[in-house]
N, C-alpha and C. Protein backbone atom coordinates (compact mmCIF):
# COMPACT_ATOMS: atom_id res chain seq x y z
N MET A 1 -4.14 -39.45 55.55
CA MET A 1 -4.03 -38.88 56.88
C MET A 1 -4.91 -39.69 57.83
N ALA A 2 -4.32 -40.18 58.89
CA ALA A 2 -5.04 -40.95 59.89
C ALA A 2 -5.25 -40.11 61.14
N GLN A 3 -6.22 -40.52 61.92
CA GLN A 3 -6.49 -39.84 63.19
C GLN A 3 -6.30 -40.84 64.31
N HIS A 4 -5.52 -40.46 65.31
CA HIS A 4 -5.22 -41.30 66.46
C HIS A 4 -5.87 -40.67 67.69
N ILE A 5 -6.39 -41.50 68.58
CA ILE A 5 -7.06 -41.02 69.79
C ILE A 5 -6.17 -41.33 71.00
N LEU A 6 -5.95 -40.33 71.83
CA LEU A 6 -5.18 -40.50 73.06
C LEU A 6 -6.08 -40.13 74.23
N GLU A 7 -6.43 -41.11 75.04
CA GLU A 7 -7.28 -40.89 76.22
C GLU A 7 -6.39 -40.67 77.43
N THR A 8 -6.41 -39.45 77.98
CA THR A 8 -5.59 -39.16 79.15
C THR A 8 -6.44 -38.71 80.34
N ASP A 9 -7.75 -38.95 80.27
CA ASP A 9 -8.61 -38.60 81.41
C ASP A 9 -8.08 -39.29 82.66
N GLY A 10 -8.01 -38.53 83.76
CA GLY A 10 -7.53 -39.07 85.02
C GLY A 10 -6.05 -38.82 85.26
N LEU A 11 -5.32 -38.42 84.23
CA LEU A 11 -3.90 -38.11 84.39
C LEU A 11 -3.74 -36.63 84.73
N VAL A 12 -2.89 -36.35 85.71
CA VAL A 12 -2.63 -34.96 86.07
C VAL A 12 -1.50 -34.43 85.21
N CYS A 13 -1.48 -33.12 85.03
CA CYS A 13 -0.42 -32.49 84.25
C CYS A 13 0.91 -32.66 84.98
N PRO A 14 1.96 -32.93 84.27
CA PRO A 14 2.17 -32.78 82.83
C PRO A 14 1.95 -34.07 82.03
N PHE A 15 1.37 -35.10 82.62
CA PHE A 15 1.31 -36.40 81.95
C PHE A 15 0.53 -36.42 80.64
N PRO A 16 -0.55 -35.64 80.46
CA PRO A 16 -1.16 -35.61 79.13
C PRO A 16 -0.19 -35.14 78.04
N VAL A 17 0.66 -34.17 78.37
CA VAL A 17 1.66 -33.69 77.40
C VAL A 17 2.73 -34.75 77.18
N VAL A 18 3.16 -35.41 78.24
CA VAL A 18 4.16 -36.47 78.13
C VAL A 18 3.65 -37.58 77.22
N GLU A 19 2.40 -37.99 77.43
CA GLU A 19 1.79 -39.04 76.60
C GLU A 19 1.63 -38.57 75.15
N ALA A 20 1.27 -37.31 74.97
CA ALA A 20 1.11 -36.77 73.61
C ALA A 20 2.44 -36.75 72.88
N LYS A 21 3.51 -36.36 73.57
CA LYS A 21 4.84 -36.36 72.95
C LYS A 21 5.21 -37.75 72.46
N ALA A 22 4.98 -38.75 73.30
CA ALA A 22 5.31 -40.13 72.93
C ALA A 22 4.48 -40.60 71.74
N ALA A 23 3.20 -40.26 71.73
CA ALA A 23 2.32 -40.67 70.63
C ALA A 23 2.74 -40.00 69.33
N MET A 24 3.04 -38.71 69.38
CA MET A 24 3.43 -37.98 68.17
C MET A 24 4.74 -38.51 67.60
N ALA A 25 5.64 -38.98 68.45
CA ALA A 25 6.92 -39.50 67.97
C ALA A 25 6.73 -40.73 67.08
N GLU A 26 5.64 -41.46 67.30
CA GLU A 26 5.37 -42.68 66.54
C GLU A 26 4.53 -42.45 65.29
N MET A 27 4.01 -41.24 65.12
CA MET A 27 3.08 -40.95 64.03
C MET A 27 3.79 -40.36 62.82
N PRO A 28 3.31 -40.66 61.61
CA PRO A 28 3.86 -40.01 60.42
C PRO A 28 3.34 -38.58 60.29
N ALA A 29 4.08 -37.75 59.58
CA ALA A 29 3.66 -36.37 59.32
C ALA A 29 2.31 -36.37 58.60
N GLY A 30 1.47 -35.43 59.00
CA GLY A 30 0.14 -35.30 58.40
C GLY A 30 -0.96 -35.94 59.21
N ASP A 31 -0.62 -36.91 60.06
CA ASP A 31 -1.63 -37.55 60.91
C ASP A 31 -2.05 -36.60 62.02
N GLU A 32 -3.23 -36.85 62.56
CA GLU A 32 -3.75 -36.03 63.66
C GLU A 32 -3.85 -36.86 64.94
N LEU A 33 -3.59 -36.20 66.05
CA LEU A 33 -3.72 -36.81 67.37
C LEU A 33 -4.82 -36.08 68.11
N VAL A 34 -5.87 -36.82 68.50
CA VAL A 34 -6.95 -36.27 69.30
C VAL A 34 -6.62 -36.59 70.75
N ILE A 35 -6.41 -35.57 71.55
CA ILE A 35 -6.03 -35.73 72.95
C ILE A 35 -7.25 -35.39 73.80
N ASN A 36 -7.80 -36.39 74.48
CA ASN A 36 -8.92 -36.18 75.40
C ASN A 36 -8.33 -36.12 76.81
N PHE A 37 -8.68 -35.07 77.56
CA PHE A 37 -8.07 -34.88 78.87
C PHE A 37 -9.03 -34.17 79.81
N ASP A 38 -8.75 -34.27 81.11
CA ASP A 38 -9.56 -33.60 82.12
C ASP A 38 -8.70 -32.83 83.13
N CYS A 39 -7.48 -32.54 82.74
CA CYS A 39 -6.56 -31.77 83.57
C CYS A 39 -6.66 -30.30 83.14
N THR A 40 -7.14 -29.44 84.02
CA THR A 40 -7.36 -28.04 83.69
C THR A 40 -6.12 -27.37 83.10
N GLN A 41 -4.96 -27.66 83.65
CA GLN A 41 -3.72 -27.05 83.16
C GLN A 41 -3.44 -27.44 81.71
N GLY A 42 -3.99 -28.56 81.27
CA GLY A 42 -3.79 -29.01 79.89
C GLY A 42 -4.37 -28.06 78.86
N THR A 43 -5.36 -27.26 79.26
CA THR A 43 -5.96 -26.32 78.31
C THR A 43 -4.95 -25.27 77.86
N GLU A 44 -3.92 -25.05 78.66
CA GLU A 44 -2.84 -24.13 78.27
C GLU A 44 -1.58 -24.89 77.86
N ALA A 45 -1.27 -25.97 78.59
CA ALA A 45 -0.02 -26.70 78.36
C ALA A 45 0.01 -27.41 77.01
N ILE A 46 -1.09 -28.03 76.61
CA ILE A 46 -1.09 -28.78 75.35
C ILE A 46 -0.97 -27.85 74.14
N PRO A 47 -1.77 -26.77 74.05
CA PRO A 47 -1.58 -25.86 72.91
C PRO A 47 -0.18 -25.22 72.89
N ARG A 48 0.37 -24.91 74.07
CA ARG A 48 1.71 -24.33 74.13
C ARG A 48 2.75 -25.32 73.60
N TRP A 49 2.65 -26.59 74.04
CA TRP A 49 3.57 -27.63 73.56
C TRP A 49 3.44 -27.79 72.05
N ALA A 50 2.20 -27.80 71.55
CA ALA A 50 1.98 -27.95 70.11
C ALA A 50 2.64 -26.79 69.34
N ALA A 51 2.42 -25.56 69.80
CA ALA A 51 2.99 -24.39 69.13
C ALA A 51 4.52 -24.42 69.15
N GLU A 52 5.09 -24.80 70.29
CA GLU A 52 6.55 -24.86 70.41
C GLU A 52 7.16 -25.88 69.46
N ASN A 53 6.38 -26.89 69.08
CA ASN A 53 6.87 -27.94 68.20
C ASN A 53 6.39 -27.81 66.76
N GLY A 54 5.69 -26.72 66.46
CA GLY A 54 5.24 -26.48 65.10
C GLY A 54 4.07 -27.35 64.68
N TYR A 55 3.30 -27.87 65.65
CA TYR A 55 2.14 -28.70 65.36
C TYR A 55 0.88 -27.83 65.41
N PRO A 56 0.15 -27.71 64.32
CA PRO A 56 -1.08 -26.91 64.37
C PRO A 56 -2.18 -27.59 65.17
N VAL A 57 -2.89 -26.80 65.98
CA VAL A 57 -4.08 -27.27 66.68
C VAL A 57 -5.24 -27.07 65.71
N THR A 58 -5.89 -28.16 65.32
CA THR A 58 -6.96 -28.07 64.33
C THR A 58 -8.34 -28.08 64.95
N GLN A 59 -8.42 -28.42 66.24
CA GLN A 59 -9.71 -28.44 66.93
C GLN A 59 -9.46 -28.38 68.42
N PHE A 60 -10.32 -27.65 69.15
CA PHE A 60 -10.21 -27.54 70.61
C PHE A 60 -11.64 -27.38 71.11
N SER A 61 -12.12 -28.34 71.88
CA SER A 61 -13.51 -28.25 72.36
C SER A 61 -13.63 -28.77 73.79
N LYS A 62 -14.67 -28.30 74.44
CA LYS A 62 -15.00 -28.75 75.78
C LYS A 62 -15.97 -29.92 75.65
N ARG A 63 -15.66 -31.04 76.32
CA ARG A 63 -16.49 -32.25 76.22
C ARG A 63 -17.45 -32.40 77.39
N GLY A 64 -17.20 -31.70 78.47
CA GLY A 64 -18.03 -31.82 79.66
C GLY A 64 -17.67 -30.70 80.63
N ALA A 65 -18.12 -30.84 81.87
CA ALA A 65 -17.88 -29.79 82.86
C ALA A 65 -16.39 -29.51 83.05
N ALA A 66 -15.58 -30.55 83.03
CA ALA A 66 -14.13 -30.38 83.20
C ALA A 66 -13.39 -31.38 82.32
N GLU A 67 -13.82 -31.47 81.05
CA GLU A 67 -13.18 -32.37 80.10
C GLU A 67 -13.04 -31.65 78.76
N TRP A 68 -11.89 -31.84 78.11
CA TRP A 68 -11.62 -31.16 76.85
C TRP A 68 -11.06 -32.14 75.83
N SER A 69 -11.08 -31.71 74.59
CA SER A 69 -10.49 -32.48 73.49
C SER A 69 -9.73 -31.50 72.59
N ILE A 70 -8.48 -31.82 72.31
CA ILE A 70 -7.66 -31.01 71.42
C ILE A 70 -7.13 -31.93 70.32
N THR A 71 -7.27 -31.49 69.09
CA THR A 71 -6.71 -32.23 67.95
C THR A 71 -5.49 -31.47 67.44
N VAL A 72 -4.37 -32.19 67.36
CA VAL A 72 -3.10 -31.62 66.94
C VAL A 72 -2.62 -32.40 65.72
N GLN A 73 -2.16 -31.69 64.71
CA GLN A 73 -1.65 -32.34 63.50
C GLN A 73 -0.13 -32.37 63.53
N LYS A 74 0.43 -33.54 63.21
CA LYS A 74 1.89 -33.62 63.14
C LYS A 74 2.34 -33.01 61.83
N ALA A 75 3.19 -32.00 61.93
CA ALA A 75 3.67 -31.29 60.73
C ALA A 75 4.86 -32.01 60.14
């Protein structure tokens, strides 16, 4: 299982989700995608997208005043 990092700081929603979709399409099952973002709407949009696609969220943390990190596993 590999871990991939996706830096989307500075991108407004829905672009962190768009970038995450593209990254997940290239990853094998079992790998994890760490999505770093600073778009407030992403705190709801990314977990919702993951759930809709059957991808478990394995980690969700705040990195700063308005920065978050979500780790999603490709099922």
